[in-house]
Amino acid sequence: MATIHEIKAESRKDEGKGASRRLRHAAYVPAVVYGAGKAPQSIQIEHNTILLAAKHEWFFSSILDLNVDGKVEKVLVRDWQKHPFKLQMLHMDFLRVDENAVIRVNLPLHFLNQEKSSAAKTSGVVISHNLTEVEVSCLPKDLPEFIELDLGDLKPGDIVHLSQLKLPKGVEIAALSLGADHDIAVVTANTVKEEAEEAPAAEGDAAPAADKK
């Protein structure tokens, strides 16, 4: 199971746009936690806590310990709202996790050893990462923080599909349950044709100027 990270929060009673504005001015992020058959709960989190956590990919893809007034619940970040141009988180939604229920989470892909592959060492080959994250389904206890893809053996012309990802036990790619048509390319190593270095020569020499009479 992936490492669990704790986020400290406080319960709040004031709701509405005015209350949320006051919280933001006081350097807090208004948030809500819901799910698992329990009533939604309004909470507030120090903005610096969120800002620091949001720098790490685990914050958005891992199960968190949400500590609200000393009571800990396991949650996932389900939604968030950022300021359009300021470095500010405006609101967050957390989903309670039922340890016996399958969850679906977008996990980041980590690409390993690409620089060692023959594709990377071949002139004219462009390696494209078509996906940077993948949605998986699993029980909470089986959720990893990320999926690794070793590209050390990647050759020119190779295509790596979703079905070729190596997953931990109990983890499945959500899209593959929809059929073979959803087994899309994750990485491609395509050879780009070099453009002609010189324009084709003009047919024949330029006609000589007419003789003056």
N, C-alpha and C. Protein backbone atom coordinates (compact mmCIF):
# COMPACT_ATOMS: atom_id res chain seq x y z
N MET A 1 0.84 -1.20 0.00
CA MET A 1 0.00 0.00 0.00
C MET A 1 0.88 1.25 0.00
N ALA A 2 0.42 2.27 -0.67
CA ALA A 2 1.19 3.50 -0.77
C ALA A 2 1.26 4.19 0.59
N THR A 3 2.26 5.03 0.75
CA THR A 3 2.42 5.81 1.98
C THR A 3 1.21 6.73 2.19
N ILE A 4 0.75 6.80 3.43
CA ILE A 4 -0.39 7.67 3.74
C ILE A 4 0.13 9.00 4.28
N HIS A 5 -0.43 10.08 3.80
CA HIS A 5 -0.03 11.43 4.20
C HIS A 5 -1.17 12.11 4.94
N GLU A 6 -0.84 12.81 6.02
CA GLU A 6 -1.87 13.44 6.84
C GLU A 6 -2.04 14.92 6.49
N ILE A 7 -3.30 15.32 6.40
CA ILE A 7 -3.68 16.71 6.19
C ILE A 7 -4.54 17.14 7.37
N LYS A 8 -4.13 18.19 8.08
CA LYS A 8 -4.89 18.66 9.23
C LYS A 8 -5.91 19.72 8.81
N ALA A 9 -7.11 19.58 9.37
CA ALA A 9 -8.21 20.50 9.04
C ALA A 9 -9.02 20.79 10.29
N GLU A 10 -9.93 21.76 10.16
CA GLU A 10 -10.83 22.13 11.24
C GLU A 10 -12.26 22.13 10.70
N SER A 11 -13.21 21.75 11.54
CA SER A 11 -14.60 21.82 11.14
C SER A 11 -15.04 23.28 11.11
N ARG A 12 -16.07 23.58 10.32
CA ARG A 12 -16.58 24.95 10.26
C ARG A 12 -18.10 24.91 10.13
N LYS A 13 -18.73 25.94 10.67
CA LYS A 13 -20.19 26.02 10.64
C LYS A 13 -20.67 27.09 9.66
N ASP A 14 -19.90 28.17 9.53
CA ASP A 14 -20.29 29.24 8.61
C ASP A 14 -20.15 28.77 7.17
N GLU A 15 -21.20 28.95 6.39
CA GLU A 15 -21.18 28.56 4.98
C GLU A 15 -21.65 29.71 4.12
N GLY A 16 -21.57 29.51 2.82
CA GLY A 16 -21.97 30.55 1.89
C GLY A 16 -20.79 31.32 1.34
N LYS A 17 -21.06 32.14 0.33
CA LYS A 17 -19.98 32.87 -0.35
C LYS A 17 -19.27 33.85 0.58
N GLY A 18 -20.04 34.54 1.42
CA GLY A 18 -19.42 35.50 2.32
C GLY A 18 -18.49 34.84 3.31
N ALA A 19 -18.92 33.70 3.86
CA ALA A 19 -18.08 32.97 4.81
C ALA A 19 -16.82 32.46 4.14
N SER A 20 -16.97 31.99 2.89
CA SER A 20 -15.80 31.48 2.16
C SER A 20 -14.80 32.59 1.88
N ARG A 21 -15.31 33.78 1.54
CA ARG A 21 -14.41 34.92 1.30
C ARG A 21 -13.64 35.28 2.57
N ARG A 22 -14.33 35.26 3.69
CA ARG A 22 -13.67 35.59 4.95
C ARG A 22 -12.58 34.57 5.29
N LEU A 23 -12.86 33.30 5.00
CA LEU A 23 -11.86 32.26 5.24
C LEU A 23 -10.63 32.48 4.39
N ARG A 24 -10.84 32.80 3.13
CA ARG A 24 -9.71 33.01 2.22
C ARG A 24 -8.87 34.20 2.66
N HIS A 25 -9.53 35.27 3.11
CA HIS A 25 -8.80 36.44 3.60
C HIS A 25 -7.98 36.11 4.85
N ALA A 26 -8.45 35.09 5.59
CA ALA A 26 -7.73 34.66 6.80
C ALA A 26 -6.72 33.56 6.51
N ALA A 27 -6.44 33.34 5.22
CA ALA A 27 -5.45 32.34 4.77
C ALA A 27 -5.89 30.91 5.04
N TYR A 28 -7.20 30.66 4.85
CA TYR A 28 -7.73 29.30 4.92
C TYR A 28 -8.39 28.93 3.60
N VAL A 29 -8.48 27.64 3.35
CA VAL A 29 -9.18 27.13 2.17
C VAL A 29 -10.47 26.48 2.63
N PRO A 30 -11.63 26.96 2.16
CA PRO A 30 -12.88 26.27 2.48
C PRO A 30 -12.94 24.95 1.72
N ALA A 31 -13.47 23.92 2.37
CA ALA A 31 -13.51 22.60 1.75
C ALA A 31 -14.69 21.82 2.29
N VAL A 32 -14.98 20.69 1.65
CA VAL A 32 -16.05 19.81 2.09
C VAL A 32 -15.57 18.37 1.95
N VAL A 33 -15.99 17.53 2.88
CA VAL A 33 -15.70 16.10 2.80
C VAL A 33 -17.03 15.36 2.80
N TYR A 34 -17.16 14.37 1.89
CA TYR A 34 -18.45 13.68 1.74
C TYR A 34 -18.20 12.24 1.33
N GLY A 35 -19.29 11.46 1.24
CA GLY A 35 -19.20 10.09 0.77
C GLY A 35 -19.24 9.06 1.88
N ALA A 36 -19.17 7.78 1.48
CA ALA A 36 -19.18 6.63 2.39
C ALA A 36 -20.46 6.57 3.22
N GLY A 37 -21.55 7.08 2.66
CA GLY A 37 -22.83 7.01 3.35
C GLY A 37 -22.98 7.95 4.52
N LYS A 38 -22.06 8.90 4.68
CA LYS A 38 -22.13 9.86 5.78
C LYS A 38 -22.51 11.24 5.26
N ALA A 39 -22.99 12.07 6.17
CA ALA A 39 -23.38 13.43 5.80
C ALA A 39 -22.16 14.25 5.41
N PRO A 40 -22.30 15.14 4.44
CA PRO A 40 -21.18 16.03 4.09
C PRO A 40 -20.79 16.90 5.28
N GLN A 41 -19.51 17.22 5.36
CA GLN A 41 -19.01 18.06 6.45
C GLN A 41 -18.19 19.20 5.88
N SER A 42 -18.51 20.41 6.28
CA SER A 42 -17.75 21.58 5.85
C SER A 42 -16.52 21.73 6.75
N ILE A 43 -15.38 21.95 6.13
CA ILE A 43 -14.12 22.07 6.87
C ILE A 43 -13.31 23.23 6.32
N GLN A 44 -12.25 23.57 7.04
CA GLN A 44 -11.31 24.59 6.58
C GLN A 44 -9.89 24.10 6.83
N ILE A 45 -8.99 24.44 5.90
CA ILE A 45 -7.60 23.99 5.97
C ILE A 45 -6.70 25.20 5.74
N GLU A 46 -5.62 25.28 6.50
CA GLU A 46 -4.68 26.38 6.29
C GLU A 46 -4.17 26.37 4.85
N HIS A 47 -4.16 27.54 4.24
CA HIS A 47 -3.78 27.61 2.83
C HIS A 47 -2.36 27.11 2.59
N ASN A 48 -1.44 27.43 3.47
CA ASN A 48 -0.06 26.97 3.30
C ASN A 48 0.04 25.45 3.33
N THR A 49 -0.82 24.80 4.13
CA THR A 49 -0.84 23.34 4.17
C THR A 49 -1.20 22.77 2.80
N ILE A 50 -2.24 23.35 2.19
CA ILE A 50 -2.67 22.90 0.87
C ILE A 50 -1.62 23.24 -0.18
N LEU A 51 -1.08 24.45 -0.10
CA LEU A 51 -0.11 24.89 -1.11
C LEU A 51 1.12 23.99 -1.13
N LEU A 52 1.61 23.64 0.03
CA LEU A 52 2.79 22.76 0.11
C LEU A 52 2.46 21.35 -0.35
N ALA A 53 1.31 20.83 0.06
CA ALA A 53 0.93 19.47 -0.33
C ALA A 53 0.69 19.37 -1.84
N ALA A 54 0.10 20.42 -2.42
CA ALA A 54 -0.24 20.40 -3.84
C ALA A 54 0.98 20.40 -4.75
N LYS A 55 2.16 20.65 -4.20
CA LYS A 55 3.39 20.58 -4.99
C LYS A 55 3.79 19.13 -5.27
N HIS A 56 3.18 18.18 -4.58
CA HIS A 56 3.52 16.77 -4.71
C HIS A 56 2.38 16.03 -5.41
N GLU A 57 2.73 15.14 -6.33
CA GLU A 57 1.69 14.42 -7.06
C GLU A 57 0.89 13.49 -6.17
N TRP A 58 1.47 13.04 -5.03
CA TRP A 58 0.73 12.15 -4.13
C TRP A 58 -0.52 12.81 -3.59
N PHE A 59 -0.52 14.12 -3.49
CA PHE A 59 -1.67 14.81 -2.91
C PHE A 59 -2.93 14.56 -3.73
N PHE A 60 -2.78 14.44 -5.04
CA PHE A 60 -3.93 14.29 -5.92
C PHE A 60 -4.21 12.84 -6.30
N SER A 61 -3.31 11.91 -5.96
CA SER A 61 -3.49 10.53 -6.42
C SER A 61 -3.45 9.49 -5.31
N SER A 62 -3.20 9.90 -4.07
CA SER A 62 -3.06 8.94 -2.97
C SER A 62 -4.20 9.09 -1.96
N ILE A 63 -4.38 8.04 -1.18
CA ILE A 63 -5.30 8.12 -0.05
C ILE A 63 -4.64 8.94 1.05
N LEU A 64 -5.38 9.90 1.56
CA LEU A 64 -4.86 10.81 2.58
C LEU A 64 -5.54 10.53 3.92
N ASP A 65 -4.84 10.82 5.00
CA ASP A 65 -5.44 10.85 6.32
C ASP A 65 -5.88 12.28 6.59
N LEU A 66 -7.18 12.52 6.52
CA LEU A 66 -7.71 13.86 6.79
C LEU A 66 -8.06 13.94 8.27
N ASN A 67 -7.31 14.74 8.99
CA ASN A 67 -7.47 14.89 10.44
C ASN A 67 -8.30 16.14 10.72
N VAL A 68 -9.58 15.93 11.05
CA VAL A 68 -10.48 17.04 11.33
C VAL A 68 -10.74 17.10 12.83
N ASP A 69 -10.18 18.09 13.47
CA ASP A 69 -10.33 18.27 14.92
C ASP A 69 -9.93 17.01 15.69
N GLY A 70 -8.90 16.33 15.22
CA GLY A 70 -8.41 15.15 15.91
C GLY A 70 -9.02 13.84 15.46
N LYS A 71 -10.07 13.88 14.64
CA LYS A 71 -10.69 12.67 14.12
C LYS A 71 -10.19 12.43 12.69
N VAL A 72 -9.63 11.25 12.45
CA VAL A 72 -9.00 10.96 11.16
C VAL A 72 -9.92 10.11 10.28
N GLU A 73 -10.07 10.54 9.03
CA GLU A 73 -10.80 9.78 8.02
C GLU A 73 -9.91 9.64 6.79
N LYS A 74 -10.05 8.51 6.11
CA LYS A 74 -9.29 8.29 4.88
C LYS A 74 -10.09 8.87 3.72
N VAL A 75 -9.40 9.70 2.92
CA VAL A 75 -10.08 10.42 1.85
C VAL A 75 -9.21 10.47 0.60
N LEU A 76 -9.84 10.85 -0.49
CA LEU A 76 -9.16 11.18 -1.74
C LEU A 76 -9.54 12.60 -2.13
N VAL A 77 -8.62 13.32 -2.73
CA VAL A 77 -8.97 14.61 -3.32
C VAL A 77 -9.84 14.33 -4.54
N ARG A 78 -11.05 14.86 -4.54
CA ARG A 78 -11.97 14.58 -5.65
C ARG A 78 -12.12 15.76 -6.59
N ASP A 79 -12.00 16.99 -6.07
CA ASP A 79 -12.13 18.16 -6.94
C ASP A 79 -11.47 19.35 -6.24
N TRP A 80 -11.09 20.33 -7.04
CA TRP A 80 -10.48 21.54 -6.48
C TRP A 80 -10.69 22.70 -7.44
N GLN A 81 -10.63 23.90 -6.89
CA GLN A 81 -10.79 25.11 -7.69
C GLN A 81 -9.64 26.05 -7.37
N LYS A 82 -8.91 26.45 -8.41
CA LYS A 82 -7.78 27.37 -8.24
C LYS A 82 -8.15 28.76 -8.73
N HIS A 83 -7.46 29.75 -8.19
CA HIS A 83 -7.61 31.11 -8.69
C HIS A 83 -7.05 31.16 -10.11
N PRO A 84 -7.72 31.90 -11.02
CA PRO A 84 -7.27 31.89 -12.43
C PRO A 84 -5.86 32.39 -12.66
N PHE A 85 -5.35 33.28 -11.79
CA PHE A 85 -3.98 33.76 -12.03
C PHE A 85 -3.14 33.88 -10.76
N LYS A 86 -3.74 33.84 -9.59
CA LYS A 86 -2.97 33.87 -8.35
C LYS A 86 -2.59 32.46 -7.92
N LEU A 87 -1.54 32.36 -7.12
CA LEU A 87 -1.14 31.07 -6.56
C LEU A 87 -2.00 30.81 -5.33
N GLN A 88 -3.27 30.49 -5.60
CA GLN A 88 -4.24 30.36 -4.51
C GLN A 88 -5.24 29.26 -4.81
N MET A 89 -5.46 28.38 -3.83
CA MET A 89 -6.50 27.36 -3.92
C MET A 89 -7.77 27.94 -3.31
N LEU A 90 -8.86 27.91 -4.07
CA LEU A 90 -10.10 28.55 -3.63
C LEU A 90 -11.04 27.60 -2.89
N HIS A 91 -11.06 26.35 -3.29
CA HIS A 91 -11.99 25.39 -2.67
C HIS A 91 -11.52 23.98 -2.99
N MET A 92 -11.85 23.04 -2.08
CA MET A 92 -11.47 21.64 -2.31
C MET A 92 -12.60 20.72 -1.87
N ASP A 93 -12.72 19.59 -2.60
CA ASP A 93 -13.65 18.52 -2.24
C ASP A 93 -12.84 17.27 -1.91
N PHE A 94 -13.19 16.62 -0.81
CA PHE A 94 -12.56 15.36 -0.42
C PHE A 94 -13.62 14.27 -0.36
N LEU A 95 -13.30 13.11 -0.91
CA LEU A 95 -14.21 11.96 -0.91
C LEU A 95 -13.75 10.94 0.12
N ARG A 96 -14.65 10.59 1.05
CA ARG A 96 -14.33 9.55 2.02
C ARG A 96 -14.12 8.22 1.31
N VAL A 97 -13.20 7.42 1.84
CA VAL A 97 -12.86 6.14 1.23
C VAL A 97 -13.43 5.01 2.07
N ASP A 98 -14.18 4.13 1.41
CA ASP A 98 -14.67 2.89 2.03
C ASP A 98 -13.65 1.80 1.70
N GLU A 99 -13.00 1.24 2.71
CA GLU A 99 -11.92 0.28 2.48
C GLU A 99 -12.39 -0.99 1.76
N ASN A 100 -13.70 -1.23 1.74
CA ASN A 100 -14.23 -2.43 1.09
C ASN A 100 -14.81 -2.16 -0.29
N ALA A 101 -14.73 -0.92 -0.74
CA ALA A 101 -15.30 -0.55 -2.04
C ALA A 101 -14.20 -0.20 -3.03
N VAL A 102 -14.37 -0.63 -4.27
CA VAL A 102 -13.41 -0.33 -5.34
C VAL A 102 -13.44 1.16 -5.64
N ILE A 103 -12.26 1.74 -5.79
CA ILE A 103 -12.15 3.16 -6.14
C ILE A 103 -11.50 3.30 -7.50
N ARG A 104 -11.75 4.43 -8.14
CA ARG A 104 -11.11 4.76 -9.43
C ARG A 104 -10.33 6.05 -9.24
N VAL A 105 -9.05 5.98 -9.58
CA VAL A 105 -8.15 7.11 -9.33
C VAL A 105 -7.22 7.30 -10.53
N ASN A 106 -6.96 8.55 -10.89
CA ASN A 106 -5.95 8.85 -11.91
C ASN A 106 -4.57 8.86 -11.27
N LEU A 107 -3.70 7.98 -11.76
CA LEU A 107 -2.35 7.87 -11.22
C LEU A 107 -1.34 8.42 -12.22
N PRO A 108 -0.31 9.13 -11.75
CA PRO A 108 0.73 9.62 -12.66
C PRO A 108 1.59 8.48 -13.19
N LEU A 109 2.05 8.62 -14.42
CA LEU A 109 2.98 7.66 -15.02
C LEU A 109 4.40 8.17 -14.85
N HIS A 110 5.29 7.29 -14.42
CA HIS A 110 6.72 7.62 -14.31
C HIS A 110 7.47 6.83 -15.39
N PHE A 111 8.12 7.55 -16.30
CA PHE A 111 8.85 6.91 -17.40
C PHE A 111 10.31 6.74 -17.02
N LEU A 112 10.78 5.49 -17.09
CA LEU A 112 12.14 5.17 -16.65
C LEU A 112 13.02 4.76 -17.83
N ASN A 113 14.30 5.11 -17.76
CA ASN A 113 15.36 4.61 -18.65
C ASN A 113 15.15 4.94 -20.13
N GLN A 114 14.35 5.95 -20.43
CA GLN A 114 14.13 6.30 -21.83
C GLN A 114 15.44 6.68 -22.52
N GLU A 115 16.29 7.41 -21.80
CA GLU A 115 17.55 7.88 -22.41
C GLU A 115 18.50 6.75 -22.75
N LYS A 116 18.27 5.56 -22.16
CA LYS A 116 19.14 4.41 -22.42
C LYS A 116 18.65 3.56 -23.60
N SER A 117 17.46 3.84 -24.10
CA SER A 117 16.87 3.01 -25.16
C SER A 117 17.50 3.28 -26.51
N SER A 118 17.40 2.29 -27.39
CA SER A 118 17.91 2.46 -28.75
C SER A 118 17.10 3.50 -29.50
N ALA A 119 15.81 3.65 -29.15
CA ALA A 119 14.98 4.66 -29.80
C ALA A 119 15.51 6.06 -29.50
N ALA A 120 15.93 6.29 -28.25
CA ALA A 120 16.44 7.60 -27.87
C ALA A 120 17.79 7.89 -28.50
N LYS A 121 18.53 6.84 -28.82
CA LYS A 121 19.87 7.02 -29.38
C LYS A 121 19.89 7.02 -30.91
N THR A 122 18.72 6.85 -31.52
CA THR A 122 18.64 6.79 -32.98
C THR A 122 18.23 8.15 -33.54
N SER A 123 19.01 8.66 -34.46
CA SER A 123 18.72 9.95 -35.07
C SER A 123 17.40 9.90 -35.83
N GLY A 124 16.60 10.94 -35.70
CA GLY A 124 15.35 11.03 -36.44
C GLY A 124 14.17 10.37 -35.76
N VAL A 125 14.36 9.80 -34.57
CA VAL A 125 13.27 9.16 -33.85
C VAL A 125 12.72 10.12 -32.79
N VAL A 126 11.41 10.30 -32.81
CA VAL A 126 10.73 11.16 -31.84
C VAL A 126 9.92 10.28 -30.90
N ILE A 127 10.22 10.35 -29.60
CA ILE A 127 9.49 9.58 -28.59
C ILE A 127 8.41 10.47 -28.00
N SER A 128 7.16 10.03 -28.10
CA SER A 128 6.03 10.82 -27.61
C SER A 128 5.36 10.12 -26.44
N HIS A 129 5.12 10.86 -25.36
CA HIS A 129 4.33 10.37 -24.22
C HIS A 129 2.90 10.84 -24.45
N ASN A 130 2.05 9.96 -24.94
CA ASN A 130 0.68 10.33 -25.26
C ASN A 130 -0.19 10.46 -24.01
N LEU A 131 0.22 9.81 -22.93
CA LEU A 131 -0.47 9.91 -21.65
C LEU A 131 0.55 10.23 -20.57
N THR A 132 0.15 11.01 -19.60
CA THR A 132 1.01 11.27 -18.43
C THR A 132 0.37 10.73 -17.16
N GLU A 133 -0.87 10.27 -17.25
CA GLU A 133 -1.55 9.63 -16.14
C GLU A 133 -2.54 8.61 -16.68
N VAL A 134 -2.95 7.69 -15.82
CA VAL A 134 -3.86 6.64 -16.24
C VAL A 134 -4.84 6.36 -15.11
N GLU A 135 -6.10 6.14 -15.47
CA GLU A 135 -7.12 5.85 -14.46
C GLU A 135 -7.10 4.36 -14.13
N VAL A 136 -7.00 4.04 -12.85
CA VAL A 136 -6.99 2.65 -12.40
C VAL A 136 -8.17 2.42 -11.47
N SER A 137 -8.52 1.14 -11.31
CA SER A 137 -9.54 0.75 -10.34
C SER A 137 -8.96 -0.33 -9.44
N CYS A 138 -9.24 -0.23 -8.14
CA CYS A 138 -8.71 -1.19 -7.17
C CYS A 138 -9.34 -0.92 -5.81
N LEU A 139 -9.08 -1.82 -4.88
CA LEU A 139 -9.44 -1.56 -3.49
C LEU A 139 -8.45 -0.56 -2.90
N PRO A 140 -8.86 0.23 -1.93
CA PRO A 140 -7.96 1.23 -1.35
C PRO A 140 -6.64 0.66 -0.87
N LYS A 141 -6.64 -0.54 -0.32
CA LYS A 141 -5.40 -1.13 0.21
C LYS A 141 -4.38 -1.44 -0.88
N ASP A 142 -4.84 -1.53 -2.14
CA ASP A 142 -3.95 -1.90 -3.24
C ASP A 142 -3.48 -0.69 -4.05
N LEU A 143 -3.92 0.50 -3.70
CA LEU A 143 -3.63 1.69 -4.51
C LEU A 143 -2.17 2.12 -4.41
N PRO A 144 -1.44 2.13 -5.54
CA PRO A 144 -0.07 2.67 -5.53
C PRO A 144 -0.11 4.18 -5.71
N GLU A 145 1.04 4.84 -5.52
CA GLU A 145 1.10 6.29 -5.71
C GLU A 145 1.30 6.65 -7.17
N PHE A 146 1.87 5.73 -7.96
CA PHE A 146 2.15 5.99 -9.37
C PHE A 146 2.36 4.66 -10.07
N ILE A 147 2.40 4.71 -11.40
CA ILE A 147 2.69 3.54 -12.23
C ILE A 147 3.99 3.81 -12.98
N GLU A 148 4.92 2.86 -12.91
CA GLU A 148 6.19 2.99 -13.61
C GLU A 148 6.15 2.28 -14.96
N LEU A 149 6.77 2.91 -15.95
CA LEU A 149 6.90 2.31 -17.27
C LEU A 149 8.37 2.36 -17.68
N ASP A 150 9.00 1.20 -17.76
CA ASP A 150 10.42 1.10 -18.12
C ASP A 150 10.55 1.13 -19.64
N LEU A 151 11.20 2.15 -20.17
CA LEU A 151 11.37 2.32 -21.61
C LEU A 151 12.78 1.96 -22.07
N GLY A 152 13.52 1.25 -21.25
CA GLY A 152 14.90 0.90 -21.59
C GLY A 152 15.03 0.07 -22.84
N ASP A 153 14.01 -0.72 -23.18
CA ASP A 153 14.05 -1.58 -24.37
C ASP A 153 13.31 -0.99 -25.56
N LEU A 154 12.91 0.27 -25.47
CA LEU A 154 12.15 0.90 -26.55
C LEU A 154 13.00 1.02 -27.81
N LYS A 155 12.44 0.55 -28.94
CA LYS A 155 13.14 0.59 -30.22
C LYS A 155 12.40 1.50 -31.19
N PRO A 156 13.09 1.99 -32.23
CA PRO A 156 12.42 2.80 -33.24
C PRO A 156 11.21 2.05 -33.81
N GLY A 157 10.08 2.73 -33.89
CA GLY A 157 8.86 2.13 -34.42
C GLY A 157 7.99 1.47 -33.37
N ASP A 158 8.48 1.35 -32.14
CA ASP A 158 7.70 0.69 -31.08
C ASP A 158 6.51 1.54 -30.64
N ILE A 159 5.46 0.83 -30.22
CA ILE A 159 4.29 1.46 -29.61
C ILE A 159 3.99 0.70 -28.32
N VAL A 160 3.88 1.42 -27.22
CA VAL A 160 3.54 0.81 -25.93
C VAL A 160 2.09 1.15 -25.62
N HIS A 161 1.26 0.10 -25.47
CA HIS A 161 -0.17 0.28 -25.21
C HIS A 161 -0.49 0.17 -23.71
N LEU A 162 -1.70 0.57 -23.35
CA LEU A 162 -2.15 0.47 -21.97
C LEU A 162 -2.01 -0.94 -21.42
N SER A 163 -2.34 -1.93 -22.26
CA SER A 163 -2.32 -3.32 -21.82
C SER A 163 -0.91 -3.81 -21.49
N GLN A 164 0.11 -3.06 -21.89
CA GLN A 164 1.49 -3.46 -21.62
C GLN A 164 2.05 -2.88 -20.32
N LEU A 165 1.27 -2.05 -19.66
CA LEU A 165 1.72 -1.50 -18.38
C LEU A 165 1.75 -2.60 -17.32
N LYS A 166 2.80 -2.62 -16.53
CA LYS A 166 2.92 -3.59 -15.45
C LYS A 166 2.30 -2.99 -14.19
N LEU A 167 1.26 -3.66 -13.69
CA LEU A 167 0.49 -3.14 -12.57
C LEU A 167 0.69 -3.99 -11.32
N PRO A 168 0.60 -3.37 -10.15
CA PRO A 168 0.64 -4.15 -8.91
C PRO A 168 -0.57 -5.08 -8.83
N LYS A 169 -0.47 -6.09 -8.00
CA LYS A 169 -1.56 -7.04 -7.81
C LYS A 169 -2.82 -6.31 -7.32
N GLY A 170 -3.94 -6.64 -7.94
CA GLY A 170 -5.21 -6.06 -7.53
C GLY A 170 -5.56 -4.76 -8.20
N VAL A 171 -4.67 -4.27 -9.08
CA VAL A 171 -4.90 -2.99 -9.76
C VAL A 171 -5.19 -3.24 -11.24
N GLU A 172 -6.22 -2.59 -11.77
CA GLU A 172 -6.60 -2.74 -13.17
C GLU A 172 -6.71 -1.38 -13.85
N ILE A 173 -6.47 -1.37 -15.16
CA ILE A 173 -6.67 -0.16 -15.96
C ILE A 173 -8.16 -0.03 -16.25
N ALA A 174 -8.77 1.06 -15.84
CA ALA A 174 -10.21 1.21 -15.97
C ALA A 174 -10.66 1.15 -17.43
N ALA A 175 -9.92 1.77 -18.34
CA ALA A 175 -10.32 1.84 -19.74
C ALA A 175 -10.37 0.47 -20.41
N LEU A 176 -9.52 -0.46 -19.98
CA LEU A 176 -9.46 -1.77 -20.63
C LEU A 176 -10.70 -2.60 -20.38
N SER A 177 -11.47 -2.25 -19.36
CA SER A 177 -12.72 -2.97 -19.10
C SER A 177 -13.78 -2.64 -20.15
N LEU A 178 -13.53 -1.60 -20.95
CA LEU A 178 -14.48 -1.17 -21.98
C LEU A 178 -14.25 -1.85 -23.31
N GLY A 179 -13.16 -2.63 -23.43
CA GLY A 179 -12.90 -3.35 -24.67
C GLY A 179 -11.57 -3.01 -25.30
N ALA A 180 -11.20 -3.82 -26.32
CA ALA A 180 -9.90 -3.68 -26.98
C ALA A 180 -9.72 -2.33 -27.66
N ASP A 181 -10.83 -1.70 -28.08
CA ASP A 181 -10.73 -0.41 -28.75
C ASP A 181 -10.17 0.68 -27.84
N HIS A 182 -10.18 0.43 -26.54
CA HIS A 182 -9.70 1.42 -25.58
C HIS A 182 -8.27 1.16 -25.14
N ASP A 183 -7.62 0.19 -25.79
CA ASP A 183 -6.21 -0.11 -25.48
C ASP A 183 -5.33 0.85 -26.27
N ILE A 184 -5.31 2.09 -25.84
CA ILE A 184 -4.65 3.15 -26.62
C ILE A 184 -3.15 3.17 -26.37
N ALA A 185 -2.45 3.90 -27.25
CA ALA A 185 -1.00 4.01 -27.14
C ALA A 185 -0.61 4.96 -26.02
N VAL A 186 0.30 4.51 -25.19
CA VAL A 186 0.84 5.35 -24.11
C VAL A 186 2.10 6.07 -24.58
N VAL A 187 2.96 5.32 -25.28
CA VAL A 187 4.22 5.86 -25.78
C VAL A 187 4.43 5.39 -27.21
N THR A 188 4.91 6.28 -28.07
CA THR A 188 5.27 5.90 -29.44
C THR A 188 6.68 6.38 -29.74
N ALA A 189 7.38 5.62 -30.59
CA ALA A 189 8.73 5.99 -31.03
C ALA A 189 8.73 6.02 -32.55
N ASN A 190 8.37 7.15 -33.11
CA ASN A 190 8.20 7.28 -34.55
C ASN A 190 9.43 7.89 -35.21
N THR A 191 9.74 7.38 -36.40
CA THR A 191 10.84 7.92 -37.19
C THR A 191 10.31 9.04 -38.07
N VAL A 192 10.93 10.20 -37.96
CA VAL A 192 10.51 11.36 -38.73
C VAL A 192 11.36 11.44 -39.99
N LYS A 193 10.71 11.49 -41.15
CA LYS A 193 11.45 11.57 -42.41
C LYS A 193 12.14 12.92 -42.51
N GLU A 194 13.42 12.87 -42.87
CA GLU A 194 14.18 14.11 -43.01
C GLU A 194 13.79 14.81 -44.31
N GLU A 195 13.61 16.11 -44.19
CA GLU A 195 13.28 16.88 -45.38
C GLU A 195 14.50 16.98 -46.28
N ALA A 196 14.23 17.08 -47.55
CA ALA A 196 15.33 17.21 -48.51
C ALA A 196 16.15 18.44 -48.17
N GLU A 197 17.46 18.27 -48.16
CA GLU A 197 18.33 19.38 -47.77
C GLU A 197 18.36 20.47 -48.83
N GLU A 198 18.19 20.09 -50.09
CA GLU A 198 18.24 21.08 -51.15
C GLU A 198 16.98 20.97 -51.99
N ALA A 199 16.54 22.08 -52.50
CA ALA A 199 15.39 22.07 -53.38
C ALA A 199 15.78 21.41 -54.69
N PRO A 200 14.86 20.72 -55.36
CA PRO A 200 15.20 20.07 -56.63
C PRO A 200 15.69 21.08 -57.66
N ALA A 201 16.68 20.67 -58.44
CA ALA A 201 17.27 21.56 -59.44
C ALA A 201 16.24 21.90 -60.51
N ALA A 202 16.32 23.14 -61.00
CA ALA A 202 15.39 23.56 -62.05
C ALA A 202 15.73 22.83 -63.34
N GLU A 203 14.71 22.53 -64.12
CA GLU A 203 14.93 21.79 -65.36
C GLU A 203 15.59 22.72 -66.39
N GLY A 204 16.78 22.34 -66.85
CA GLY A 204 17.48 23.10 -67.89
C GLY A 204 18.04 24.41 -67.35
N ASP A 205 18.89 25.01 -68.11
CA ASP A 205 19.45 26.30 -67.73
C ASP A 205 18.50 27.40 -68.13
N ALA A 206 18.68 28.56 -67.54
CA ALA A 206 17.84 29.69 -67.91
C ALA A 206 18.09 30.05 -69.36
N ALA A 207 17.03 30.41 -70.07
CA ALA A 207 17.16 30.73 -71.49
C ALA A 207 17.98 32.00 -71.65
N PRO A 208 18.90 32.04 -72.63
CA PRO A 208 19.71 33.24 -72.84
C PRO A 208 18.86 34.40 -73.30
N ALA A 209 19.31 35.58 -72.98
CA ALA A 209 18.56 36.77 -73.40
C ALA A 209 18.55 36.85 -74.91
N ALA A 210 17.49 37.38 -75.49
CA ALA A 210 17.38 37.48 -76.95
C ALA A 210 18.42 38.46 -77.48
N ASP A 211 19.00 38.11 -78.67
CA ASP A 211 19.99 39.01 -79.27
C ASP A 211 19.33 40.30 -79.71
N LYS A 212 20.07 41.38 -79.47
CA LYS A 212 19.55 42.64 -79.95
C LYS A 212 19.78 42.74 -81.44
N LYS A 213 18.85 43.29 -82.10
CA LYS A 213 18.99 43.51 -83.54
C LYS A 213 19.49 44.90 -83.79
